[in-house]
Amino acid sequence: MAVENSSNFRKASLPALSIALMLATFAPVSGTHAAEACAIKRSDHQQVELNRLNFDPDAPLHTRIAAPTPEIVDAFSQMAGRTATAHQPNATQLQRLTRDLASLPPLHRYMLKHHLRHFSFIDTDGPGTGLTAVVGDGGYPLFDITLRAGILDETLSAFLTAKERQLFADDGSGTSVSVNASGDALRYVLLHEASHVVDHVLKLSSELAPEFADGIWMDRRGLSAPWSEGDIAETPYRGGEPIPAEQAVALYQALSHTPFPSLYATAAAPEDFAELVAWRELSLASPASTLEFVVHDGQGSQLYALKPLENVAVLKRMEALGDFLAICAETADLPT
């Protein structure tokens, strides 16, 4: 349901008991499930398909850059409302890409090694940032990842601020939202998109693995109660209309009472998984990344600030996923 005006914007009233009950429903991590999911197996038919697609799992990741397919260019062009074009990274950008790929967790690098065909970059001023697409007949999961070229030179704060402001409509109040996050956009986006690959291969969000979905998701898009009843369920990320800017404080207050690391995580189960894993890794890095959503009034005074990486419910979910992915890494004889 779209937010029409301030009087229709419901106040969040999720009791602490809701969080406590949700935390109690997390299922223990299944070592057998993780071990089976993480085994790399290829049938003869799948190998024939991979050969047809010229897939070489031994090629270094930073050498897998290729032009985006016409279908991907069309998708970004439709999102932008104008023609998007392929982008060839320059030497400095390639150096940045190589560095950030090397910084990915071992499990992410392992999954990309065995399941990533191409990286592509595209010049566009549309809303799309990254697209992870299945290629081939789907019998063996193989992906192309296409990224908006602008993130190669963008800070994470600037990237997330521009993305978050798309949620709000200018209502004349002067209220604005900004995001404070340390680091560069490229590393975060690589983590997020690579997490989609990990998720797809392990079938965590598609099969609603209990380590991830219990008490949170009913299906790929359907939130469980009480999250399906609150203000976070009506944002543009979930198909709602842009929200009047003066209601930003109420929205982030509502988010603070949930197990989601960001509003974008509420869009769909796969986005929730990718956000949780990406922010977990960034928070464990050295130096650790921070995440803060800040609402200011028209004079620049702070009205509200939220640091979701300090939310106990979010941290519990990150811990559960971290345990599962650690078992997976051990199966592949990777460092954890």
Protein backbone atom coordinates (compact mmCIF):
# COMPACT_ATOMS: atom_id res chain seq x y z
CA MET A 1 0.00 0.00 0.00
CA ALA A 2 1.36 3.38 -0.99
CA VAL A 3 2.02 6.09 1.59
CA GLU A 4 -0.34 8.93 0.74
CA ASN A 5 0.27 11.49 3.46
CA SER A 6 1.61 11.90 6.95
CA SER A 7 -1.59 10.81 8.65
CA ASN A 8 -1.51 7.50 6.81
CA PHE A 9 2.06 6.74 7.84
CA ARG A 10 1.62 4.27 10.70
CA LYS A 11 3.87 4.55 13.72
CA ALA A 12 6.06 1.53 14.39
CA SER A 13 5.11 -0.32 17.55
CA LEU A 14 7.04 -3.61 17.40
CA PRO A 15 7.56 -4.73 20.99
CA ALA A 16 10.86 -6.02 22.25
CA LEU A 17 9.15 -9.40 22.61
CA SER A 18 8.89 -9.65 18.81
CA ILE A 19 12.66 -9.38 18.51
CA ALA A 20 13.20 -11.89 21.32
CA LEU A 21 10.84 -14.42 19.77
CA MET A 22 12.44 -13.98 16.37
CA LEU A 23 15.92 -14.58 17.79
CA ALA A 24 14.73 -17.74 19.49
CA THR A 25 13.50 -19.22 16.19
CA PHE A 26 16.92 -19.35 14.52
CA ALA A 27 17.58 -22.98 13.63
CA PRO A 28 20.97 -24.56 14.35
CA VAL A 29 23.28 -24.74 11.36
CA SER A 30 23.23 -28.12 9.62
CA GLY A 31 26.75 -29.28 8.81
CA THR A 32 25.43 -31.93 6.41
CA HIS A 33 23.33 -29.36 4.54
CA ALA A 34 26.28 -27.00 4.21
CA ALA A 35 28.71 -29.72 3.14
CA GLU A 36 26.39 -31.06 0.45
CA ALA A 37 25.55 -27.60 -0.85
CA CYS A 38 29.18 -26.56 -1.17
CA ALA A 39 30.47 -29.54 -3.14
CA ILE A 40 31.39 -28.57 -6.71
CA LYS A 41 30.04 -31.28 -9.02
CA ARG A 42 29.72 -31.28 -12.81
CA SER A 43 27.98 -33.92 -14.88
CA ASP A 44 29.22 -34.79 -18.37
CA HIS A 45 26.31 -32.83 -19.85
CA GLN A 46 27.12 -29.80 -17.73
CA GLN A 47 30.78 -29.94 -18.76
CA VAL A 48 29.77 -29.95 -22.42
CA GLU A 49 27.64 -26.85 -21.79
CA LEU A 50 30.49 -25.10 -19.97
CA ASN A 51 32.85 -25.89 -22.85
CA ARG A 52 30.30 -24.41 -25.27
CA LEU A 53 30.25 -21.22 -23.21
CA ASN A 54 34.09 -21.09 -23.17
CA PHE A 55 34.12 -21.14 -19.39
CA ASP A 56 37.57 -21.52 -17.86
CA PRO A 57 37.51 -21.92 -14.06
CA ASP A 58 41.29 -21.48 -13.92
CA ALA A 59 41.27 -17.98 -15.44
CA PRO A 60 42.08 -15.32 -12.79
CA LEU A 61 38.97 -13.38 -11.83
CA HIS A 62 40.35 -9.99 -12.88
CA THR A 63 40.91 -11.33 -16.43
CA ARG A 64 37.26 -12.29 -16.94
CA ILE A 65 36.17 -8.82 -18.08
CA ALA A 66 34.07 -8.87 -21.25
CA ALA A 67 31.58 -6.62 -23.00
CA PRO A 68 28.03 -6.92 -21.62
CA THR A 69 25.61 -8.96 -23.69
CA PRO A 70 22.98 -7.09 -25.77
CA GLU A 71 20.30 -8.33 -23.37
CA ILE A 72 22.12 -6.75 -20.41
CA VAL A 73 22.63 -3.48 -22.28
CA ASP A 74 18.90 -3.42 -23.09
CA ALA A 75 18.01 -4.06 -19.44
CA PHE A 76 20.13 -1.15 -18.19
CA SER A 77 18.87 1.08 -21.03
CA GLN A 78 15.26 0.39 -20.05
CA MET A 79 15.98 1.22 -16.41
CA ALA A 80 17.65 4.50 -17.42
CA GLY A 81 15.18 5.47 -20.12
CA ARG A 82 18.09 6.07 -22.46
CA THR A 83 20.82 4.06 -24.16
CA ALA A 84 23.46 2.50 -21.93
CA THR A 85 26.88 1.65 -23.35
CA ALA A 86 29.67 -0.78 -22.52
CA HIS A 87 32.56 0.54 -20.43
CA GLN A 88 36.17 -0.63 -20.56
CA PRO A 89 37.90 0.07 -17.21
CA ASN A 90 41.11 2.09 -17.40
CA ALA A 91 44.37 1.00 -15.79
CA THR A 92 43.60 2.63 -12.44
CA GLN A 93 40.14 1.14 -12.32
CA LEU A 94 41.49 -2.31 -13.21
CA GLN A 95 43.99 -2.02 -10.38
CA ARG A 96 41.13 -1.15 -7.99
CA LEU A 97 39.06 -4.08 -9.27
CA THR A 98 41.94 -6.52 -8.87
CA ARG A 99 42.55 -5.30 -5.31
CA ASP A 100 38.91 -5.57 -4.26
CA LEU A 101 38.47 -9.00 -5.84
CA ALA A 102 41.48 -10.23 -3.87
CA SER A 103 39.87 -8.89 -0.68
CA LEU A 104 36.71 -10.99 -1.09
CA PRO A 105 36.24 -13.79 1.45
CA PRO A 106 37.76 -17.14 0.37
CA LEU A 107 34.33 -18.71 -0.10
CA HIS A 108 33.22 -15.87 -2.40
CA ARG A 109 36.39 -16.17 -4.47
CA TYR A 110 35.92 -19.94 -4.63
CA MET A 111 32.33 -19.60 -5.83
CA LEU A 112 33.30 -16.98 -8.41
CA LYS A 113 36.19 -19.15 -9.61
CA HIS A 114 33.78 -22.01 -10.35
CA HIS A 115 30.64 -20.08 -11.32
CA LEU A 116 31.55 -16.66 -12.81
CA ARG A 117 31.92 -16.42 -16.57
CA HIS A 118 32.31 -12.67 -17.08
CA PHE A 119 32.49 -9.31 -15.35
CA SER A 120 31.11 -6.44 -17.41
CA PHE A 121 30.84 -2.70 -16.81
CA ILE A 122 28.30 -0.34 -18.28
CA ASP A 123 27.96 3.43 -18.53
CA THR A 124 24.48 4.48 -17.46
CA ASP A 125 22.84 7.17 -15.35
CA GLY A 126 19.86 4.98 -14.51
CA PRO A 127 18.96 3.49 -11.13
CA GLY A 128 20.50 0.08 -11.78
CA THR A 129 23.84 -0.64 -10.09
CA GLY A 130 24.55 -4.34 -10.44
CA LEU A 131 22.99 -7.28 -12.22
CA THR A 132 23.92 -10.92 -11.70
CA ALA A 133 22.47 -13.00 -14.55
CA VAL A 134 22.38 -16.76 -15.09
CA VAL A 135 23.92 -17.84 -18.42
CA GLY A 136 23.66 -21.11 -20.31
CA ASP A 137 20.95 -23.71 -19.85
CA GLY A 138 20.94 -23.38 -16.06
CA GLY A 139 21.89 -26.98 -15.47
CA TYR A 140 25.14 -25.84 -13.87
CA PRO A 141 24.96 -22.41 -12.20
CA LEU A 142 27.05 -19.98 -14.23
CA PHE A 143 26.79 -16.21 -14.06
CA ASP A 144 27.68 -12.90 -15.68
CA ILE A 145 27.97 -9.94 -13.29
CA THR A 146 27.44 -6.47 -14.79
CA LEU A 147 28.17 -3.34 -12.77
CA ARG A 148 27.49 0.35 -13.37
CA ALA A 149 30.88 1.82 -14.23
CA GLY A 150 30.40 4.85 -11.97
CA ILE A 151 31.01 2.76 -8.85
CA LEU A 152 34.63 2.24 -9.94
CA ASP A 153 35.38 5.79 -8.74
CA GLU A 154 32.71 6.36 -6.08
CA THR A 155 32.85 6.38 -2.29
CA LEU A 156 30.49 4.08 -0.44
CA SER A 157 28.87 6.99 1.41
CA ALA A 158 28.07 8.83 -1.82
CA PHE A 159 26.79 5.66 -3.50
CA LEU A 160 24.49 4.64 -0.64
CA THR A 161 23.25 8.20 -0.04
CA ALA A 162 22.16 8.57 -3.68
CA LYS A 163 20.49 5.15 -3.55
CA GLU A 164 18.67 5.82 -0.28
CA ARG A 165 17.37 9.22 -1.36
CA GLN A 166 15.46 7.55 -4.19
CA LEU A 167 13.06 6.27 -1.53
CA PHE A 168 11.83 9.76 -0.64
CA ALA A 169 9.77 12.44 -2.32
CA ASP A 170 10.50 16.13 -1.85
CA ASP A 171 7.63 17.43 0.26
CA GLY A 172 8.98 20.91 0.91
CA SER A 173 9.98 20.05 4.49
CA GLY A 174 13.70 20.27 3.75
CA THR A 175 14.22 16.89 5.42
CA SER A 176 17.04 14.85 3.87
CA VAL A 177 18.68 11.48 4.35
CA SER A 178 22.37 10.68 4.09
CA VAL A 179 24.39 7.52 4.68
CA ASN A 180 27.74 7.41 6.41
CA ALA A 181 29.74 4.35 5.40
CA SER A 182 33.50 4.03 5.22
CA GLY A 183 35.29 2.64 2.20
CA ASP A 184 34.62 2.60 -1.54
CA ALA A 185 31.50 1.57 -3.40
CA LEU A 186 33.23 -1.04 -5.56
CA ARG A 187 34.16 -3.33 -2.68
CA TYR A 188 30.65 -3.26 -1.24
CA VAL A 189 28.99 -3.89 -4.61
CA LEU A 190 31.38 -6.75 -5.42
CA LEU A 191 30.58 -8.33 -2.06
CA HIS A 192 26.86 -7.87 -2.59
CA GLU A 193 26.81 -9.30 -6.13
CA ALA A 194 29.20 -12.14 -5.28
CA SER A 195 26.91 -12.99 -2.37
CA HIS A 196 24.10 -13.46 -4.89
CA VAL A 197 26.27 -16.09 -6.59
CA VAL A 198 26.94 -17.81 -3.25
CA ASP A 199 23.24 -17.70 -2.41
CA HIS A 200 22.14 -19.07 -5.79
CA VAL A 201 24.60 -21.96 -5.68
CA LEU A 202 23.73 -22.88 -2.08
CA LYS A 203 19.98 -22.24 -2.64
CA LEU A 204 19.62 -20.49 0.70
CA SER A 205 17.05 -17.83 -0.17
CA SER A 206 15.31 -19.82 -2.92
CA GLU A 207 14.66 -22.74 -0.57
CA LEU A 208 14.24 -20.50 2.52
CA ALA A 209 16.97 -22.21 4.52
CA PRO A 210 16.07 -21.95 8.22
CA GLU A 211 19.51 -20.52 9.05
CA PHE A 212 18.41 -17.50 7.06
CA ALA A 213 14.64 -17.28 6.65
CA ASP A 214 12.90 -18.58 9.80
CA GLY A 215 10.63 -15.90 11.19
CA ILE A 216 11.65 -13.48 8.43
CA TRP A 217 10.47 -14.68 5.00
CA MET A 218 7.39 -16.62 3.90
CA ASP A 219 8.62 -16.84 0.31
CA ARG A 220 10.99 -14.98 -2.00
CA ARG A 221 9.08 -11.70 -1.66
CA GLY A 222 6.69 -12.28 1.20
CA LEU A 223 7.74 -11.04 4.62
CA SER A 224 6.63 -12.89 7.73
CA ALA A 225 4.64 -11.12 10.43
CA PRO A 226 5.22 -8.74 12.12
CA TRP A 227 7.60 -7.35 9.49
CA SER A 228 4.91 -7.59 6.79
CA GLU A 229 2.65 -5.25 8.76
CA GLY A 230 4.97 -2.31 9.42
CA ASP A 231 6.13 0.75 7.53
CA ILE A 232 9.19 -1.04 6.15
CA ALA A 233 6.87 -3.21 4.04
CA GLU A 234 5.58 -0.23 2.02
CA THR A 235 8.73 1.43 0.65
CA PRO A 236 9.61 1.74 -3.05
CA TYR A 237 11.98 -1.21 -2.55
CA ARG A 238 8.83 -3.27 -2.08
CA GLY A 239 6.79 -1.65 -4.83
CA GLY A 240 5.41 1.29 -2.83
CA GLU A 241 5.35 4.95 -3.80
CA PRO A 242 8.15 7.36 -2.79
CA ILE A 243 7.73 8.40 0.84
CA PRO A 244 7.35 12.06 1.88
CA ALA A 245 10.71 13.13 3.23
CA GLU A 246 9.29 14.38 6.55
CA GLN A 247 8.38 10.74 7.36
CA ALA A 248 12.00 9.55 7.15
CA VAL A 249 12.53 9.59 10.92
CA ALA A 250 9.51 7.32 11.50
CA LEU A 251 10.70 4.96 8.78
CA TYR A 252 14.21 4.52 10.20
CA GLN A 253 12.79 4.21 13.70
CA ALA A 254 10.69 1.35 12.35
CA LEU A 255 13.76 -0.23 10.73
CA SER A 256 15.60 -0.08 14.07
CA HIS A 257 13.08 -2.56 15.53
CA THR A 258 13.64 -5.18 12.82
CA PRO A 259 16.29 -7.81 11.97
CA PHE A 260 17.20 -6.14 8.67
CA PRO A 261 20.54 -4.37 8.09
CA SER A 262 19.00 -1.91 5.64
CA LEU A 263 15.72 -1.03 3.95
CA TYR A 264 17.09 -2.53 0.75
CA ALA A 265 17.32 -5.88 2.55
CA THR A 266 13.51 -5.90 2.78
CA ALA A 267 13.12 -5.89 -1.02
CA ALA A 268 13.32 -9.69 -1.39
CA ALA A 269 14.93 -12.67 0.29
CA PRO A 270 17.96 -12.73 -2.07
CA GLU A 271 18.66 -9.04 -1.37
CA ASP A 272 18.36 -9.68 2.36
CA PHE A 273 20.94 -12.47 2.13
CA ALA A 274 23.33 -10.37 0.06
CA GLU A 275 23.03 -7.39 2.41
CA LEU A 276 23.58 -9.50 5.52
CA VAL A 277 26.65 -11.24 4.12
CA ALA A 278 28.16 -8.11 2.56
CA TRP A 279 27.78 -6.02 5.73
CA ARG A 280 28.99 -8.87 7.93
CA GLU A 281 32.20 -9.10 5.91
CA LEU A 282 32.69 -5.34 5.83
CA SER A 283 32.13 -5.09 9.58
CA LEU A 284 34.77 -7.78 10.20
CA ALA A 285 37.33 -6.20 7.88
CA SER A 286 40.35 -4.26 9.07
CA PRO A 287 39.62 -1.41 9.27
CA ALA A 288 35.96 -2.25 9.88
CA SER A 289 33.36 -0.49 7.77
CA THR A 290 30.61 1.45 9.47
CA LEU A 291 27.01 2.04 8.42
CA GLU A 292 24.84 4.91 9.66
CA PHE A 293 21.59 6.32 8.26
CA VAL A 294 21.15 9.97 9.26
CA VAL A 295 18.10 12.21 8.88
CA HIS A 296 18.58 16.00 8.87
CA ASP A 297 16.08 18.85 8.90
CA GLY A 298 16.13 21.74 6.44
CA GLN A 299 18.71 23.63 8.54
CA GLY A 300 21.11 20.67 8.59
CA SER A 301 20.43 19.66 12.19
CA GLN A 302 20.37 15.95 12.90
CA LEU A 303 16.92 14.58 13.65
CA TYR A 304 17.74 10.88 13.94
CA ALA A 305 20.56 8.43 13.32
CA LEU A 306 20.50 4.64 13.02
CA LYS A 307 23.48 2.26 13.14
CA PRO A 308 21.98 -1.09 12.11
CA LEU A 309 25.27 -2.98 12.55
CA GLU A 310 24.84 -2.44 16.30
CA ASN A 311 21.37 -4.02 16.26
CA VAL A 312 21.41 -7.31 18.22
CA ALA A 313 18.82 -8.91 15.92
CA VAL A 314 20.89 -8.09 12.84
CA LEU A 315 24.08 -9.37 14.48
CA LYS A 316 22.39 -12.65 15.41
CA ARG A 317 21.36 -13.25 11.81
CA MET A 318 24.85 -12.42 10.60
CA GLU A 319 26.31 -14.87 13.10
CA ALA A 320 23.98 -17.67 11.96
CA LEU A 321 24.87 -17.13 8.31
CA GLY A 322 28.56 -16.84 9.17
CA ASP A 323 28.46 -20.24 10.89
CA PHE A 324 26.79 -21.84 7.89
CA LEU A 325 29.20 -20.32 5.38
CA ALA A 326 32.17 -21.34 7.56
CA ILE A 327 31.09 -24.99 7.30
CA CYS A 328 30.80 -24.55 3.56
CA ALA A 329 34.32 -23.10 3.39
CA GLU A 330 35.70 -26.00 5.41
CA THR A 331 34.08 -28.43 2.98
CA ALA A 332 36.00 -26.78 0.16
CA ASP A 333 39.18 -26.79 2.31
CA LEU A 334 39.19 -22.98 2.44
CA PRO A 335 40.32 -20.76 5.31
CA THR A 336 37.44 -19.52 7.48
